[in-house]
């Protein structure tokens, strides 16, 4: 019995620290993507950039899937419990989220950043967590804890301040087409999160990311002719940058995102990404010379503070929600297998 107590504590620590680290990797890489897209606008058109980015993501993800498949085929029986490619409704959900998020969102965001500076684009896109939180509460049965609502309200106030503050450089601009495209990207982002959250109930994070990227790549095939033409004229630096967009902000960041999303509420994880605009402002300042104003800096501080409050919900409230979910399922079904699955946030993976 004492040995059980000693082993339970480190496991609980990892359950908190690993998702937090994965969330940090996600937001930093996604923030760098806004700056990269902005810088590559003169080398690649929106569809072409999306195609090369997704191709650069699919290649390493496919290699990783093959490695994991080989390990699973010779490992424990639990590794074979789920097929490599999901079937039925799960497969449809992954493909739909892949087309909406990997393809649609990427193309629209690339287009938006031809009319917006990177910071403003990030601000508009990160309206999506508000949409996710509301939709998750209304349609997915997730709760609206007080700390989450307060944190998101403060963070959103920061977003508004940054948008009001604008940029101190003449090159950083925004027009109405860019604003509309930015909002459209936010809607696609929110839809992708909600569909992916549903798929992750039965599909593991790596498989969902890989299949989503493949679906997005197939959806961008109509841009292949112009993509080949633009790649032939691109500089080595531009080629390296678009490959980075595929490997870093897509293959790695979407995998870490799916890992965290499978272990927490969609609303809590989406709230964490509200910190992305603040990071983008700093990176744009350093790398692109797009200087934030004083009002923008204050907004960034509020954004980070609001996310910190929302993260308290992720750490402290998630186990309680999982426990309540276990009790509800146990009462409704009386099935011991279902009870053991719902007792752990990761038991269904």
C-alpha atoms as a PDB file:
ATOM      1  CA  UNK A   1       0.000   0.000   0.000  1.00  0.00           C
ATOM      2  CA  UNK A   2       2.739   2.578   0.786  1.00  0.00           C
ATOM      3  CA  UNK A   3       4.367   1.806  -2.558  1.00  0.00           C
ATOM      4  CA  UNK A   4       1.133   2.707  -4.299  1.00  0.00           C
ATOM      5  CA  UNK A   5       1.090   6.110  -2.586  1.00  0.00           C
ATOM      6  CA  UNK A   6       4.679   6.788  -3.635  1.00  0.00           C
ATOM      7  CA  UNK A   7       4.017   6.027  -7.293  1.00  0.00           C
ATOM      8  CA  UNK A   8       0.746   7.932  -7.500  1.00  0.00           C
ATOM      9  CA  UNK A   9       2.278  11.310  -6.709  1.00  0.00           C
ATOM     10  CA  UNK A  10       4.851  11.461  -9.575  1.00  0.00           C
ATOM     11  CA  UNK A  11       2.187  10.299 -12.027  1.00  0.00           C
ATOM     12  CA  UNK A  12      -0.081  13.175 -11.009  1.00  0.00           C
ATOM     13  CA  UNK A  13       2.819  15.607 -11.358  1.00  0.00           C
ATOM     14  CA  UNK A  14       3.517  14.466 -14.912  1.00  0.00           C
ATOM     15  CA  UNK A  15      -0.192  14.774 -15.785  1.00  0.00           C
ATOM     16  CA  UNK A  16       0.029  18.484 -14.968  1.00  0.00           C
ATOM     17  CA  UNK A  17       3.532  19.352 -16.199  1.00  0.00           C
ATOM     18  CA  UNK A  18       3.590  17.581 -19.565  1.00  0.00           C
ATOM     19  CA  UNK A  19       0.370  19.152 -20.927  1.00  0.00           C
ATOM     20  CA  UNK A  20       1.551  22.550 -19.651  1.00  0.00           C
ATOM     21  CA  UNK A  21       4.872  22.144 -21.467  1.00  0.00           C
ATOM     22  CA  UNK A  22       3.096  20.982 -24.619  1.00  0.00           C
ATOM     23  CA  UNK A  23       0.795  24.019 -24.448  1.00  0.00           C
ATOM     24  CA  UNK A  24       3.822  26.323 -24.178  1.00  0.00           C
ATOM     25  CA  UNK A  25       5.451  24.719 -27.239  1.00  0.00           C
ATOM     26  CA  UNK A  26       2.199  25.112 -29.153  1.00  0.00           C
ATOM     27  CA  UNK A  27       1.663  28.811 -28.497  1.00  0.00           C
ATOM     28  CA  UNK A  28       5.295  29.783 -29.188  1.00  0.00           C
ATOM     29  CA  UNK A  29       5.430  27.890 -32.486  1.00  0.00           C
ATOM     30  CA  UNK A  30       2.036  29.171 -33.580  1.00  0.00           C
ATOM     31  CA  UNK A  31       3.096  32.728 -32.765  1.00  0.00           C
ATOM     32  CA  UNK A  32       6.186  32.322 -34.945  1.00  0.00           C
ATOM     33  CA  UNK A  33       3.935  31.176 -37.795  1.00  0.00           C
ATOM     34  CA  UNK A  34       2.193  34.557 -37.985  1.00  0.00           C
ATOM     35  CA  UNK A  35       5.527  36.275 -38.430  1.00  0.00           C
ATOM     36  CA  UNK A  36       6.722  33.698 -40.955  1.00  0.00           C
ATOM     37  CA  UNK A  37       3.551  34.012 -43.036  1.00  0.00           C
ATOM     38  CA  UNK A  38       3.870  37.775 -43.063  1.00  0.00           C
ATOM     39  CA  UNK A  39       7.514  37.601 -44.182  1.00  0.00           C
ATOM     40  CA  UNK A  40       6.804  35.021 -46.907  1.00  0.00           C
ATOM     41  CA  UNK A  41       3.931  36.970 -48.471  1.00  0.00           C
ATOM     42  CA  UNK A  42       6.194  38.391 -51.167  1.00  0.00           C
ATOM     43  CA  UNK A  43       7.463  34.953 -52.197  1.00  0.00           C
ATOM     44  CA  UNK A  44       4.376  32.702 -52.105  1.00  0.00           C
ATOM     45  CA  UNK A  45       0.685  33.264 -52.799  1.00  0.00           C
ATOM     46  CA  UNK A  46      -1.797  32.110 -50.105  1.00  0.00           C
ATOM     47  CA  UNK A  47      -2.657  28.754 -51.686  1.00  0.00           C
ATOM     48  CA  UNK A  48       0.910  27.974 -52.713  1.00  0.00           C
ATOM     49  CA  UNK A  49       2.246  28.723 -49.232  1.00  0.00           C
ATOM     50  CA  UNK A  50      -0.425  26.491 -47.689  1.00  0.00           C
ATOM     51  CA  UNK A  51       0.459  23.607 -50.020  1.00  0.00           C
ATOM     52  CA  UNK A  52       4.193  23.700 -49.293  1.00  0.00           C
ATOM     53  CA  UNK A  53       3.586  24.151 -45.579  1.00  0.00           C
ATOM     54  CA  UNK A  54       1.308  21.114 -45.417  1.00  0.00           C
ATOM     55  CA  UNK A  55       3.623  18.999 -47.563  1.00  0.00           C
ATOM     56  CA  UNK A  56       6.489  19.882 -45.231  1.00  0.00           C
ATOM     57  CA  UNK A  57       4.312  18.770 -42.316  1.00  0.00           C
ATOM     58  CA  UNK A  58       2.982  15.546 -43.820  1.00  0.00           C
ATOM     59  CA  UNK A  59       6.438  14.127 -44.604  1.00  0.00           C
ATOM     60  CA  UNK A  60       7.811  14.085 -41.011  1.00  0.00           C
ATOM     61  CA  UNK A  61       4.413  13.139 -39.589  1.00  0.00           C
ATOM     62  CA  UNK A  62       4.233  10.156 -41.950  1.00  0.00           C
ATOM     63  CA  UNK A  63       7.719   9.035 -40.931  1.00  0.00           C
ATOM     64  CA  UNK A  64       6.760   9.328 -37.269  1.00  0.00           C
ATOM     65  CA  UNK A  65       3.544   7.388 -37.860  1.00  0.00           C
ATOM     66  CA  UNK A  66       5.495   4.583 -39.553  1.00  0.00           C
ATOM     67  CA  UNK A  67       7.912   4.433 -36.633  1.00  0.00           C
ATOM     68  CA  UNK A  68       5.107   4.317 -34.086  1.00  0.00           C
ATOM     69  CA  UNK A  69       3.242   1.734 -36.171  1.00  0.00           C
ATOM     70  CA  UNK A  70       6.310  -0.516 -36.259  1.00  0.00           C
ATOM     71  CA  UNK A  71       6.804  -0.187 -32.513  1.00  0.00           C
ATOM     72  CA  UNK A  72       3.142  -0.929 -31.893  1.00  0.00           C
ATOM     73  CA  UNK A  73       3.109  -4.026 -34.107  1.00  0.00           C
ATOM     74  CA  UNK A  74       5.822  -5.624 -32.009  1.00  0.00           C
ATOM     75  CA  UNK A  75       4.771  -4.253 -28.609  1.00  0.00           C
ATOM     76  CA  UNK A  76       2.061  -4.784 -26.101  1.00  0.00           C
ATOM     77  CA  UNK A  77      -1.419  -5.862 -27.079  1.00  0.00           C
ATOM     78  CA  UNK A  78      -2.800  -2.462 -26.014  1.00  0.00           C
ATOM     79  CA  UNK A  79      -0.907  -0.806 -28.869  1.00  0.00           C
ATOM     80  CA  UNK A  80      -3.002  -2.885 -31.316  1.00  0.00           C
ATOM     81  CA  UNK A  81      -6.338  -2.194 -29.661  1.00  0.00           C
ATOM     82  CA  UNK A  82      -7.077   0.644 -32.073  1.00  0.00           C
ATOM     83  CA  UNK A  83      -6.558   0.534 -35.878  1.00  0.00           C
ATOM     84  CA  UNK A  84      -3.919   2.747 -37.454  1.00  0.00           C
ATOM     85  CA  UNK A  85      -6.568   4.657 -39.437  1.00  0.00           C
ATOM     86  CA  UNK A  86      -9.909   5.298 -37.668  1.00  0.00           C
ATOM     87  CA  UNK A  87     -13.174   4.263 -39.243  1.00  0.00           C
ATOM     88  CA  UNK A  88     -16.684   5.568 -39.516  1.00  0.00           C
ATOM     89  CA  UNK A  89     -17.660   8.762 -37.764  1.00  0.00           C
ATOM     90  CA  UNK A  90     -14.203   9.209 -36.213  1.00  0.00           C
ATOM     91  CA  UNK A  91     -12.544   9.195 -39.636  1.00  0.00           C
ATOM     92  CA  UNK A  92     -15.088  11.659 -41.013  1.00  0.00           C
ATOM     93  CA  UNK A  93     -14.513  14.006 -38.061  1.00  0.00           C
ATOM     94  CA  UNK A  94     -10.737  13.956 -38.555  1.00  0.00           C
ATOM     95  CA  UNK A  95     -11.017  14.588 -42.304  1.00  0.00           C
ATOM     96  CA  UNK A  96     -13.505  17.426 -41.836  1.00  0.00           C
ATOM     97  CA  UNK A  97     -11.373  19.121 -39.199  1.00  0.00           C
ATOM     98  CA  UNK A  98      -8.321  18.654 -41.423  1.00  0.00           C
ATOM     99  CA  UNK A  99      -9.940  20.351 -44.404  1.00  0.00           C
ATOM    100  CA  UNK A 100     -11.428  23.144 -42.278  1.00  0.00           C
ATOM    101  CA  UNK A 101      -8.360  23.874 -40.143  1.00  0.00           C
ATOM    102  CA  UNK A 102      -5.263  22.677 -41.975  1.00  0.00           C
ATOM    103  CA  UNK A 103      -6.438  23.745 -45.440  1.00  0.00           C
ATOM    104  CA  UNK A 104      -9.185  26.362 -45.087  1.00  0.00           C
ATOM    105  CA  UNK A 105      -7.778  28.198 -42.086  1.00  0.00           C
ATOM    106  CA  UNK A 106      -4.228  28.181 -43.472  1.00  0.00           C
ATOM    107  CA  UNK A 107      -5.195  29.569 -46.884  1.00  0.00           C
ATOM    108  CA  UNK A 108      -7.486  32.232 -45.407  1.00  0.00           C
ATOM    109  CA  UNK A 109      -4.873  33.309 -42.850  1.00  0.00           C
ATOM    110  CA  UNK A 110      -2.193  33.536 -45.553  1.00  0.00           C
ATOM    111  CA  UNK A 111      -4.547  35.723 -47.560  1.00  0.00           C
ATOM    112  CA  UNK A 112      -5.429  37.857 -44.539  1.00  0.00           C
ATOM    113  CA  UNK A 113      -1.772  38.610 -43.822  1.00  0.00           C
ATOM    114  CA  UNK A 114      -1.407  40.183 -47.235  1.00  0.00           C
ATOM    115  CA  UNK A 115      -3.757  42.864 -45.892  1.00  0.00           C
ATOM    116  CA  UNK A 116      -2.876  42.833 -42.179  1.00  0.00           C
ATOM    117  CA  UNK A 117       0.288  43.061 -40.158  1.00  0.00           C
ATOM    118  CA  UNK A 118       1.160  39.919 -38.203  1.00  0.00           C
ATOM    119  CA  UNK A 119       0.054  41.315 -34.840  1.00  0.00           C
ATOM    120  CA  UNK A 120      -3.390  42.396 -36.015  1.00  0.00           C
ATOM    121  CA  UNK A 121      -3.903  39.061 -37.790  1.00  0.00           C
ATOM    122  CA  UNK A 122      -3.043  37.207 -34.586  1.00  0.00           C
ATOM    123  CA  UNK A 123      -5.487  39.351 -32.619  1.00  0.00           C
ATOM    124  CA  UNK A 124      -8.360  38.650 -34.980  1.00  0.00           C
ATOM    125  CA  UNK A 125      -7.650  34.925 -35.195  1.00  0.00           C
ATOM    126  CA  UNK A 126      -7.505  34.684 -31.419  1.00  0.00           C
ATOM    127  CA  UNK A 127     -11.111  35.729 -31.148  1.00  0.00           C
ATOM    128  CA  UNK A 128     -11.581  31.998 -31.782  1.00  0.00           C
ATOM    129  CA  UNK A 129     -11.083  30.953 -28.122  1.00  0.00           C
ATOM    130  CA  UNK A 130     -14.131  33.029 -27.219  1.00  0.00           C
ATOM    131  CA  UNK A 131     -16.140  31.174 -29.872  1.00  0.00           C
ATOM    132  CA  UNK A 132     -14.746  27.833 -28.720  1.00  0.00           C
ATOM    133  CA  UNK A 133     -15.546  28.487 -25.050  1.00  0.00           C
ATOM    134  CA  UNK A 134     -19.139  29.469 -25.821  1.00  0.00           C
ATOM    135  CA  UNK A 135     -19.743  26.603 -28.253  1.00  0.00           C
ATOM    136  CA  UNK A 136     -18.071  24.046 -25.962  1.00  0.00           C
ATOM    137  CA  UNK A 137     -20.305  25.135 -23.116  1.00  0.00           C
ATOM    138  CA  UNK A 138     -23.465  25.112 -25.203  1.00  0.00           C
ATOM    139  CA  UNK A 139     -22.978  22.002 -27.315  1.00  0.00           C
ATOM    140  CA  UNK A 140     -20.281  19.839 -25.660  1.00  0.00           C
ATOM    141  CA  UNK A 141     -21.459  19.932 -22.061  1.00  0.00           C
ATOM    142  CA  UNK A 142     -18.363  21.710 -20.765  1.00  0.00           C
ATOM    143  CA  UNK A 143     -18.761  24.079 -17.851  1.00  0.00           C
ATOM    144  CA  UNK A 144     -18.101  27.797 -17.440  1.00  0.00           C
ATOM    145  CA  UNK A 145     -16.095  27.965 -14.186  1.00  0.00           C
ATOM    146  CA  UNK A 146     -15.733  31.427 -12.691  1.00  0.00           C
ATOM    147  CA  UNK A 147     -11.947  31.550 -13.089  1.00  0.00           C
ATOM    148  CA  UNK A 148     -12.193  30.605 -16.760  1.00  0.00           C
ATOM    149  CA  UNK A 149     -14.769  33.313 -17.465  1.00  0.00           C
ATOM    150  CA  UNK A 150     -12.770  35.944 -15.549  1.00  0.00           C
ATOM    151  CA  UNK A 151      -9.519  34.956 -17.218  1.00  0.00           C
ATOM    152  CA  UNK A 152     -10.957  35.010 -20.720  1.00  0.00           C
ATOM    153  CA  UNK A 153     -12.657  38.360 -20.055  1.00  0.00           C
ATOM    154  CA  UNK A 154      -9.384  39.944 -18.945  1.00  0.00           C
ATOM    155  CA  UNK A 155      -7.515  38.392 -21.871  1.00  0.00           C
ATOM    156  CA  UNK A 156     -10.131  39.584 -24.331  1.00  0.00           C
ATOM    157  CA  UNK A 157      -9.882  43.094 -22.895  1.00  0.00           C
ATOM    158  CA  UNK A 158      -6.168  42.866 -23.615  1.00  0.00           C
ATOM    159  CA  UNK A 159      -6.910  41.807 -27.171  1.00  0.00           C
ATOM    160  CA  UNK A 160      -9.154  44.850 -27.629  1.00  0.00           C
ATOM    161  CA  UNK A 161      -6.491  47.169 -26.259  1.00  0.00           C
ATOM    162  CA  UNK A 162      -3.837  45.747 -28.574  1.00  0.00           C
ATOM    163  CA  UNK A 163      -6.171  46.145 -31.537  1.00  0.00           C
ATOM    164  CA  UNK A 164      -6.906  49.743 -30.513  1.00  0.00           C
ATOM    165  CA  UNK A 165      -3.244  50.499 -29.992  1.00  0.00           C
ATOM    166  CA  UNK A 166      -2.290  49.303 -33.455  1.00  0.00           C
ATOM    167  CA  UNK A 167       1.326  49.584 -34.544  1.00  0.00           C
ATOM    168  CA  UNK A 168       3.852  52.384 -34.572  1.00  0.00           C
ATOM    169  CA  UNK A 169       5.198  51.541 -38.036  1.00  0.00           C
ATOM    170  CA  UNK A 170       3.813  52.644 -41.365  1.00  0.00           C
ATOM    171  CA  UNK A 171       4.205  49.188 -42.933  1.00  0.00           C
ATOM    172  CA  UNK A 172       1.888  47.607 -40.353  1.00  0.00           C
ATOM    173  CA  UNK A 173      -1.603  48.161 -41.696  1.00  0.00           C
ATOM    174  CA  UNK A 174      -5.098  46.753 -41.797  1.00  0.00           C
ATOM    175  CA  UNK A 175      -7.929  47.105 -44.310  1.00  0.00           C
ATOM    176  CA  UNK A 176     -11.498  45.872 -44.311  1.00  0.00           C
ATOM    177  CA  UNK A 177     -10.786  42.849 -46.512  1.00  0.00           C
ATOM    178  CA  UNK A 178      -8.037  41.798 -44.130  1.00  0.00           C
ATOM    179  CA  UNK A 179     -10.350  42.192 -41.125  1.00  0.00           C
ATOM    180  CA  UNK A 180     -13.054  40.062 -42.762  1.00  0.00           C
ATOM    181  CA  UNK A 181     -10.512  37.409 -43.700  1.00  0.00           C
ATOM    182  CA  UNK A 182      -9.085  37.448 -40.168  1.00  0.00           C
ATOM    183  CA  UNK A 183     -12.537  36.876 -38.672  1.00  0.00           C
ATOM    184  CA  UNK A 184     -13.201  34.105 -41.201  1.00  0.00           C
ATOM    185  CA  UNK A 185      -9.943  32.454 -40.140  1.00  0.00           C
ATOM    186  CA  UNK A 186     -11.092  32.682 -36.508  1.00  0.00           C
ATOM    187  CA  UNK A 187     -14.354  30.918 -37.359  1.00  0.00           C
ATOM    188  CA  UNK A 188     -12.503  28.116 -39.191  1.00  0.00           C
ATOM    189  CA  UNK A 189     -10.094  27.828 -36.264  1.00  0.00           C
ATOM    190  CA  UNK A 190     -12.950  27.520 -33.757  1.00  0.00           C
ATOM    191  CA  UNK A 191     -14.772  24.955 -35.884  1.00  0.00           C
ATOM    192  CA  UNK A 192     -11.572  22.945 -36.236  1.00  0.00           C
ATOM    193  CA  UNK A 193     -10.999  22.881 -32.474  1.00  0.00           C
ATOM    194  CA  UNK A 194     -14.526  21.686 -31.723  1.00  0.00           C
ATOM    195  CA  UNK A 195     -14.545  18.976 -34.402  1.00  0.00           C
ATOM    196  CA  UNK A 196     -11.062  17.833 -33.369  1.00  0.00           C
ATOM    197  CA  UNK A 197     -12.079  17.694 -29.698  1.00  0.00           C
ATOM    198  CA  UNK A 198     -14.863  15.300 -30.644  1.00  0.00           C
ATOM    199  CA  UNK A 199     -12.535  13.161 -32.778  1.00  0.00           C
ATOM    200  CA  UNK A 200      -9.928  12.908 -30.014  1.00  0.00           C
ATOM    201  CA  UNK A 201     -12.349  10.888 -27.908  1.00  0.00           C
ATOM    202  CA  UNK A 202     -11.524   7.858 -30.042  1.00  0.00           C
ATOM    203  CA  UNK A 203      -8.463   8.886 -32.105  1.00  0.00           C
ATOM    204  CA  UNK A 204      -5.012   9.445 -30.618  1.00  0.00           C
ATOM    205  CA  UNK A 205      -3.319  12.846 -30.999  1.00  0.00           C
ATOM    206  CA  UNK A 206      -0.630  11.807 -33.495  1.00  0.00           C
ATOM    207  CA  UNK A 207      -3.048   9.998 -35.799  1.00  0.00           C
ATOM    208  CA  UNK A 208      -5.495  12.910 -35.723  1.00  0.00           C
ATOM    209  CA  UNK A 209      -2.734  15.376 -36.583  1.00  0.00           C
ATOM    210  CA  UNK A 210      -1.306  13.221 -39.361  1.00  0.00           C
ATOM    211  CA  UNK A 211      -4.658  12.469 -41.024  1.00  0.00           C
ATOM    212  CA  UNK A 212      -5.766  16.082 -40.643  1.00  0.00           C
ATOM    213  CA  UNK A 213      -2.594  17.293 -42.365  1.00  0.00           C
ATOM    214  CA  UNK A 214      -3.038  14.741 -45.161  1.00  0.00           C
ATOM    215  CA  UNK A 215      -6.641  15.848 -45.676  1.00  0.00           C
ATOM    216  CA  UNK A 216      -5.530  19.480 -45.767  1.00  0.00           C
ATOM    217  CA  UNK A 217      -2.760  18.692 -48.259  1.00  0.00           C
ATOM    218  CA  UNK A 218      -5.194  16.923 -50.580  1.00  0.00           C
ATOM    219  CA  UNK A 219      -7.558  19.901 -50.334  1.00  0.00           C
ATOM    220  CA  UNK A 220      -4.760  22.267 -51.441  1.00  0.00           C
ATOM    221  CA  UNK A 221      -3.756  20.191 -54.490  1.00  0.00           C
ATOM    222  CA  UNK A 222      -5.514  22.659 -56.856  1.00  0.00           C
ATOM    223  CA  UNK A 223      -2.738  25.123 -55.947  1.00  0.00           C
ATOM    224  CA  UNK A 224       0.005  22.697 -57.044  1.00  0.00           C
ATOM    225  CA  UNK A 225       0.788  24.276 -60.458  1.00  0.00           C
ATOM    226  CA  UNK A 226       1.317  27.777 -59.031  1.00  0.00           C
ATOM    227  CA  UNK A 227       3.131  26.291 -56.049  1.00  0.00           C
ATOM    228  CA  UNK A 228       5.687  24.635 -58.324  1.00  0.00           C
ATOM    229  CA  UNK A 229       6.136  27.841 -60.304  1.00  0.00           C
ATOM    230  CA  UNK A 230       6.653  29.982 -57.200  1.00  0.00           C
ATOM    231  CA  UNK A 231       8.991  27.467 -55.601  1.00  0.00           C
ATOM    232  CA  UNK A 232      11.250  27.632 -58.671  1.00  0.00           C
ATOM    233  CA  UNK A 233      11.627  31.394 -58.182  1.00  0.00           C
ATOM    234  CA  UNK A 234      11.925  31.341 -54.374  1.00  0.00           C
ATOM    235  CA  UNK A 235      15.144  32.148 -52.551  1.00  0.00           C
ATOM    236  CA  UNK A 236      16.817  29.515 -50.344  1.00  0.00           C
ATOM    237  CA  UNK A 237      15.803  31.510 -47.274  1.00  0.00           C
ATOM    238  CA  UNK A 238      12.164  31.543 -48.352  1.00  0.00           C
ATOM    239  CA  UNK A 239      12.227  27.798 -49.016  1.00  0.00           C
ATOM    240  CA  UNK A 240      13.734  27.152 -45.588  1.00  0.00           C
ATOM    241  CA  UNK A 241      11.099  29.374 -43.981  1.00  0.00           C
ATOM    242  CA  UNK A 242       8.150  27.610 -45.592  1.00  0.00           C
ATOM    243  CA  UNK A 243       9.612  24.225 -44.605  1.00  0.00           C
ATOM    244  CA  UNK A 244       9.889  25.538 -41.045  1.00  0.00           C
ATOM    245  CA  UNK A 245       6.199  26.494 -41.148  1.00  0.00           C
ATOM    246  CA  UNK A 246       5.395  22.892 -41.977  1.00  0.00           C
ATOM    247  CA  UNK A 247       7.698  21.182 -39.482  1.00  0.00           C
ATOM    248  CA  UNK A 248       7.450  23.587 -36.522  1.00  0.00           C
ATOM    249  CA  UNK A 249       4.076  25.399 -36.331  1.00  0.00           C
ATOM    250  CA  UNK A 250       2.247  22.564 -38.141  1.00  0.00           C
ATOM    251  CA  UNK A 251       3.711  19.085 -37.494  1.00  0.00           C
ATOM    252  CA  UNK A 252       5.070  19.755 -34.007  1.00  0.00           C
ATOM    253  CA  UNK A 253       2.644  22.407 -32.744  1.00  0.00           C
ATOM    254  CA  UNK A 254      -0.525  20.672 -33.927  1.00  0.00           C
ATOM    255  CA  UNK A 255       0.686  17.411 -32.355  1.00  0.00           C
ATOM    256  CA  UNK A 256       1.358  19.073 -29.001  1.00  0.00           C
ATOM    257  CA  UNK A 257      -1.975  20.899 -29.296  1.00  0.00           C
ATOM    258  CA  UNK A 258      -3.846  17.621 -29.874  1.00  0.00           C
ATOM    259  CA  UNK A 259      -1.980  16.026 -26.964  1.00  0.00           C
ATOM    260  CA  UNK A 260      -3.186  18.748 -24.592  1.00  0.00           C
ATOM    261  CA  UNK A 261      -6.684  18.989 -26.065  1.00  0.00           C
ATOM    262  CA  UNK A 262      -7.207  15.267 -25.440  1.00  0.00           C
ATOM    263  CA  UNK A 263      -6.485  15.870 -21.747  1.00  0.00           C
ATOM    264  CA  UNK A 264      -8.472  19.026 -20.984  1.00  0.00           C
ATOM    265  CA  UNK A 265     -11.560  21.008 -21.981  1.00  0.00           C
ATOM    266  CA  UNK A 266     -11.564  22.664 -25.396  1.00  0.00           C
ATOM    267  CA  UNK A 267     -12.430  26.001 -23.767  1.00  0.00           C
ATOM    268  CA  UNK A 268      -9.531  25.897 -21.293  1.00  0.00           C
ATOM    269  CA  UNK A 269      -6.951  25.008 -23.940  1.00  0.00           C
ATOM    270  CA  UNK A 270      -8.323  27.605 -26.366  1.00  0.00           C
ATOM    271  CA  UNK A 271      -8.018  30.229 -23.630  1.00  0.00           C
ATOM    272  CA  UNK A 272      -4.315  29.435 -23.393  1.00  0.00           C
ATOM    273  CA  UNK A 273      -3.785  30.448 -27.025  1.00  0.00           C
ATOM    274  CA  UNK A 274      -4.903  33.993 -26.192  1.00  0.00           C
ATOM    275  CA  UNK A 275      -1.273  34.600 -25.268  1.00  0.00           C
ATOM    276  CA  UNK A 276      -0.266  34.150 -28.926  1.00  0.00           C
ATOM    277  CA  UNK A 277      -0.971  37.780 -29.988  1.00  0.00           C
ATOM    278  CA  UNK A 278       1.339  39.124 -27.283  1.00  0.00           C
ATOM    279  CA  UNK A 279       4.136  36.837 -28.486  1.00  0.00           C
ATOM    280  CA  UNK A 280       3.480  37.810 -32.101  1.00  0.00           C
ATOM    281  CA  UNK A 281       3.724  41.507 -31.230  1.00  0.00           C
ATOM    282  CA  UNK A 282       7.157  40.959 -29.699  1.00  0.00           C
ATOM    283  CA  UNK A 283       8.399  38.780 -32.564  1.00  0.00           C
ATOM    284  CA  UNK A 284       7.067  41.231 -35.148  1.00  0.00           C
ATOM    285  CA  UNK A 285       8.851  44.045 -33.367  1.00  0.00           C
ATOM    286  CA  UNK A 286      12.168  42.177 -33.319  1.00  0.00           C
ATOM    287  CA  UNK A 287      12.062  40.447 -36.714  1.00  0.00           C
ATOM    288  CA  UNK A 288       9.847  42.633 -38.921  1.00  0.00           C
ATOM    289  CA  UNK A 289      10.251  46.053 -37.337  1.00  0.00           C
ATOM    290  CA  UNK A 290       6.530  46.359 -36.586  1.00  0.00           C
ATOM    291  CA  UNK A 291       6.640  48.327 -33.350  1.00  0.00           C
ATOM    292  CA  UNK A 292       3.769  48.076 -30.857  1.00  0.00           C
ATOM    293  CA  UNK A 293       2.415  51.176 -29.154  1.00  0.00           C
ATOM    294  CA  UNK A 294       2.230  51.695 -25.397  1.00  0.00           C
ATOM    295  CA  UNK A 295      -1.464  50.773 -25.443  1.00  0.00           C
ATOM    296  CA  UNK A 296      -0.580  47.571 -27.269  1.00  0.00           C
ATOM    297  CA  UNK A 297       1.979  46.643 -24.640  1.00  0.00           C
ATOM    298  CA  UNK A 298      -0.576  47.183 -21.853  1.00  0.00           C
ATOM    299  CA  UNK A 299      -3.001  44.988 -23.770  1.00  0.00           C
ATOM    300  CA  UNK A 300      -0.370  42.284 -24.062  1.00  0.00           C
ATOM    301  CA  UNK A 301       0.171  42.309 -20.303  1.00  0.00           C
ATOM    302  CA  UNK A 302      -3.579  41.960 -19.723  1.00  0.00           C
ATOM    303  CA  UNK A 303      -3.699  39.143 -22.254  1.00  0.00           C
ATOM    304  CA  UNK A 304      -0.986  37.189 -20.463  1.00  0.00           C
ATOM    305  CA  UNK A 305      -2.581  37.839 -17.064  1.00  0.00           C
ATOM    306  CA  UNK A 306      -5.958  36.611 -18.239  1.00  0.00           C
ATOM    307  CA  UNK A 307      -4.462  33.436 -19.652  1.00  0.00           C
ATOM    308  CA  UNK A 308      -2.656  32.802 -16.350  1.00  0.00           C
ATOM    309  CA  UNK A 309      -6.009  32.932 -14.529  1.00  0.00           C
ATOM    310  CA  UNK A 310      -7.597  30.586 -17.065  1.00  0.00           C
ATOM    311  CA  UNK A 311      -4.703  28.140 -16.652  1.00  0.00           C
ATOM    312  CA  UNK A 312      -5.615  27.770 -12.981  1.00  0.00           C
ATOM    313  CA  UNK A 313      -8.861  26.246 -14.177  1.00  0.00           C
ATOM    314  CA  UNK A 314      -6.931  23.790 -16.335  1.00  0.00           C
ATOM    315  CA  UNK A 315      -4.732  22.604 -13.457  1.00  0.00           C
ATOM    316  CA  UNK A 316      -7.194  22.541 -10.572  1.00  0.00           C
ATOM    317  CA  UNK A 317     -10.609  21.927 -12.046  1.00  0.00           C
ATOM    318  CA  UNK A 318      -9.948  19.298 -14.727  1.00  0.00           C
ATOM    319  CA  UNK A 319      -9.622  16.378 -12.247  1.00  0.00           C
ATOM    320  CA  UNK A 320     -12.854  17.394 -10.549  1.00  0.00           C
ATOM    321  CA  UNK A 321     -14.703  17.475 -13.859  1.00  0.00           C
ATOM    322  CA  UNK A 322     -13.296  14.074 -14.808  1.00  0.00           C
ATOM    323  CA  UNK A 323     -14.441  12.659 -11.454  1.00  0.00           C
ATOM    324  CA  UNK A 324     -17.932  14.050 -11.866  1.00  0.00           C
ATOM    325  CA  UNK A 325     -18.096  12.635 -15.392  1.00  0.00           C
ATOM    326  CA  UNK A 326     -17.091   9.208 -14.077  1.00  0.00           C
ATOM    327  CA  UNK A 327     -19.840   9.249 -11.462  1.00  0.00           C
ATOM    328  CA  UNK A 328     -22.486  10.281 -13.999  1.00  0.00           C
ATOM    329  CA  UNK A 329     -21.503   7.496 -16.395  1.00  0.00           C
ATOM    330  CA  UNK A 330     -21.347   4.948 -13.603  1.00  0.00           C
ATOM    331  CA  UNK A 331     -24.872   5.828 -12.469  1.00  0.00           C
ATOM    332  CA  UNK A 332     -26.342   5.813 -15.978  1.00  0.00           C
ATOM    333  CA  UNK A 333     -24.785   2.587 -17.293  1.00  0.00           C
ATOM    334  CA  UNK A 334     -23.554   0.566 -14.323  1.00  0.00           C
ATOM    335  CA  UNK A 335     -20.858  -0.833 -16.629  1.00  0.00           C
ATOM    336  CA  UNK A 336     -17.550  -1.306 -14.844  1.00  0.00           C
ATOM    337  CA  UNK A 337     -15.570  -0.898 -18.094  1.00  0.00           C
ATOM    338  CA  UNK A 338     -17.186   2.435 -18.875  1.00  0.00           C
ATOM    339  CA  UNK A 339     -16.561   3.576 -15.316  1.00  0.00           C
ATOM    340  CA  UNK A 340     -12.840   2.805 -15.513  1.00  0.00           C
ATOM    341  CA  UNK A 341     -12.546   4.637 -18.805  1.00  0.00           C
ATOM    342  CA  UNK A 342     -14.237   7.807 -17.656  1.00  0.00           C
ATOM    343  CA  UNK A 343     -12.377   7.936 -14.364  1.00  0.00           C
ATOM    344  CA  UNK A 344      -9.219   9.126 -16.126  1.00  0.00           C
ATOM    345  CA  UNK A 345      -8.989  11.953 -18.688  1.00  0.00           C
ATOM    346  CA  UNK A 346      -6.581   9.829 -20.726  1.00  0.00           C
ATOM    347  CA  UNK A 347      -8.318   6.504 -20.363  1.00  0.00           C
ATOM    348  CA  UNK A 348     -10.111   6.786 -23.678  1.00  0.00           C
ATOM    349  CA  UNK A 349      -6.999   7.413 -25.760  1.00  0.00           C
END
